[in-house]
Amino acid sequence: MINVVRTSLVNVGKAIRGEVPLSVELEQVYSSLYNNLVPAVWAKRAYPSLKPLASWVLDCLERLKFMQKWIDENAPPNFWISGFFFT
């Protein structure tokens, strides 16, 4: 998911600068970003969510921090259940 998000953002930036052609997929990503929606190409790889883009990004960052802490410090004594499932 992280690679898809990064690649699409880099490519949208290049398309805006005119370095690569603006494909239909990149146009959809750009349009979604402009309208504060999670791009479909991201949603296909990510967890289900009904949040707008700004809230989705904050939630995604919290989930990544939670998982990284788990990797760095082993399993926590309690779990953020909604970090794993769509409630």
C-alpha atoms as a PDB file:
ATOM      1  CA  MET A   1       0.000   0.000   0.000  1.00  0.00           C
ATOM      2  CA  ILE A   2       2.752   2.443   0.950  1.00  0.00           C
ATOM      3  CA  ASN A   3       4.553   1.829  -2.339  1.00  0.00           C
ATOM      4  CA  VAL A   4       1.359   2.429  -4.341  1.00  0.00           C
ATOM      5  CA  VAL A   5       0.683   5.700  -2.491  1.00  0.00           C
ATOM      6  CA  ARG A   6       4.250   6.929  -2.921  1.00  0.00           C
ATOM      7  CA  THR A   7       4.523   5.939  -6.577  1.00  0.00           C
ATOM      8  CA  SER A   8       1.222   7.540  -7.516  1.00  0.00           C
ATOM      9  CA  LEU A   9       2.067  10.787  -5.692  1.00  0.00           C
ATOM     10  CA  VAL A  10       5.489  10.984  -7.342  1.00  0.00           C
ATOM     11  CA  ASN A  11       3.947  10.307 -10.759  1.00  0.00           C
ATOM     12  CA  VAL A  12       1.185  12.898 -10.264  1.00  0.00           C
ATOM     13  CA  GLY A  13       3.883  15.443  -9.404  1.00  0.00           C
ATOM     14  CA  LYS A  14       5.800  14.509 -12.555  1.00  0.00           C
ATOM     15  CA  ALA A  15       2.629  14.735 -14.656  1.00  0.00           C
ATOM     16  CA  ILE A  16       1.875  18.201 -13.281  1.00  0.00           C
ATOM     17  CA  ARG A  17       5.418  19.306 -14.213  1.00  0.00           C
ATOM     18  CA  GLY A  18       4.984  17.753 -17.663  1.00  0.00           C
ATOM     19  CA  GLU A  19       7.676  15.117 -17.218  1.00  0.00           C
ATOM     20  CA  VAL A  20       5.329  12.157 -17.813  1.00  0.00           C
ATOM     21  CA  PRO A  21       2.001  11.932 -19.645  1.00  0.00           C
ATOM     22  CA  LEU A  22      -1.127  12.233 -17.513  1.00  0.00           C
ATOM     23  CA  SER A  23      -2.722   8.783 -17.726  1.00  0.00           C
ATOM     24  CA  VAL A  24      -6.331   8.081 -16.813  1.00  0.00           C
ATOM     25  CA  GLU A  25      -5.204   6.533 -13.519  1.00  0.00           C
ATOM     26  CA  LEU A  26      -3.059   9.552 -12.618  1.00  0.00           C
ATOM     27  CA  GLU A  27      -5.904  11.884 -13.530  1.00  0.00           C
ATOM     28  CA  GLN A  28      -8.202   9.940 -11.198  1.00  0.00           C
ATOM     29  CA  VAL A  29      -5.628  10.162  -8.397  1.00  0.00           C
ATOM     30  CA  TYR A  30      -5.258  13.908  -8.959  1.00  0.00           C
ATOM     31  CA  SER A  31      -9.011  14.417  -9.027  1.00  0.00           C
ATOM     32  CA  SER A  32      -9.458  12.424  -5.818  1.00  0.00           C
ATOM     33  CA  LEU A  33      -6.741  14.408  -4.060  1.00  0.00           C
ATOM     34  CA  TYR A  34      -8.329  17.667  -5.171  1.00  0.00           C
ATOM     35  CA  ASN A  35     -11.739  16.530  -3.872  1.00  0.00           C
ATOM     36  CA  ASN A  36     -10.390  15.180  -0.533  1.00  0.00           C
ATOM     37  CA  LEU A  37     -11.228  11.580  -1.461  1.00  0.00           C
ATOM     38  CA  VAL A  38      -9.079   8.480  -1.081  1.00  0.00           C
ATOM     39  CA  PRO A  39      -7.975   7.544  -4.631  1.00  0.00           C
ATOM     40  CA  ALA A  40      -9.432   4.237  -5.817  1.00  0.00           C
ATOM     41  CA  VAL A  41      -5.978   2.831  -6.564  1.00  0.00           C
ATOM     42  CA  TRP A  42      -5.054   3.408  -2.892  1.00  0.00           C
ATOM     43  CA  ALA A  43      -8.351   2.114  -1.521  1.00  0.00           C
ATOM     44  CA  LYS A  44      -7.940  -1.090  -3.501  1.00  0.00           C
ATOM     45  CA  ARG A  45      -4.697  -1.834  -1.602  1.00  0.00           C
ATOM     46  CA  ALA A  46      -5.655  -0.377   1.798  1.00  0.00           C
ATOM     47  CA  TYR A  47      -8.034  -1.222   4.586  1.00  0.00           C
ATOM     48  CA  PRO A  48     -11.724  -0.342   4.113  1.00  0.00           C
ATOM     49  CA  SER A  49     -12.591   3.160   5.268  1.00  0.00           C
ATOM     50  CA  LEU A  50     -15.353   5.714   4.781  1.00  0.00           C
ATOM     51  CA  LYS A  51     -13.185   8.643   5.885  1.00  0.00           C
ATOM     52  CA  PRO A  52     -12.296  11.561   3.609  1.00  0.00           C
ATOM     53  CA  LEU A  53      -8.672  11.765   2.484  1.00  0.00           C
ATOM     54  CA  ALA A  54      -7.365  14.070   5.231  1.00  0.00           C
ATOM     55  CA  SER A  55      -8.762  11.878   8.026  1.00  0.00           C
ATOM     56  CA  TRP A  56      -7.751   8.715   6.183  1.00  0.00           C
ATOM     57  CA  VAL A  57      -4.123   9.859   6.000  1.00  0.00           C
ATOM     58  CA  LEU A  58      -4.023  10.640   9.733  1.00  0.00           C
ATOM     59  CA  ASP A  59      -5.598   7.255  10.509  1.00  0.00           C
ATOM     60  CA  CYS A  60      -3.169   5.488   8.180  1.00  0.00           C
ATOM     61  CA  LEU A  61      -0.193   7.151   9.877  1.00  0.00           C
ATOM     62  CA  GLU A  62      -1.491   6.051  13.303  1.00  0.00           C
ATOM     63  CA  ARG A  63      -1.868   2.478  12.052  1.00  0.00           C
ATOM     64  CA  LEU A  64       1.665   2.502  10.648  1.00  0.00           C
ATOM     65  CA  LYS A  65       3.069   3.869  13.926  1.00  0.00           C
ATOM     66  CA  PHE A  66       1.185   1.182  15.865  1.00  0.00           C
ATOM     67  CA  MET A  67       2.534  -1.584  13.653  1.00  0.00           C
ATOM     68  CA  GLN A  68       6.087  -0.183  13.688  1.00  0.00           C
ATOM     69  CA  LYS A  69       6.030  -0.004  17.480  1.00  0.00           C
ATOM     70  CA  TRP A  70       4.894  -3.611  17.543  1.00  0.00           C
ATOM     71  CA  ILE A  71       7.824  -4.564  15.302  1.00  0.00           C
ATOM     72  CA  ASP A  72      10.330  -2.579  17.358  1.00  0.00           C
ATOM     73  CA  GLU A  73       9.079  -3.483  20.857  1.00  0.00           C
ATOM     74  CA  ASN A  74       7.297  -6.835  20.376  1.00  0.00           C
ATOM     75  CA  ALA A  75       3.583  -7.432  20.844  1.00  0.00           C
ATOM     76  CA  PRO A  76       1.893  -4.840  23.068  1.00  0.00           C
ATOM     77  CA  PRO A  77      -0.093  -5.849  26.171  1.00  0.00           C
ATOM     78  CA  ASN A  78      -3.285  -4.493  24.587  1.00  0.00           C
ATOM     79  CA  PHE A  79      -4.326  -3.999  20.984  1.00  0.00           C
ATOM     80  CA  TRP A  80      -5.954  -1.230  18.999  1.00  0.00           C
ATOM     81  CA  ILE A  81      -8.655  -3.485  17.528  1.00  0.00           C
ATOM     82  CA  SER A  82      -9.944  -0.969  14.996  1.00  0.00           C
ATOM     83  CA  GLY A  83      -6.366  -0.704  13.702  1.00  0.00           C
ATOM     84  CA  PHE A  84      -6.803  -4.217  12.321  1.00  0.00           C
ATOM     85  CA  PHE A  85     -10.471  -4.254  11.328  1.00  0.00           C
ATOM     86  CA  PHE A  86     -13.093  -2.010   9.810  1.00  0.00           C
ATOM     87  CA  THR A  87     -15.512  -1.410  12.663  1.00  0.00           C
END
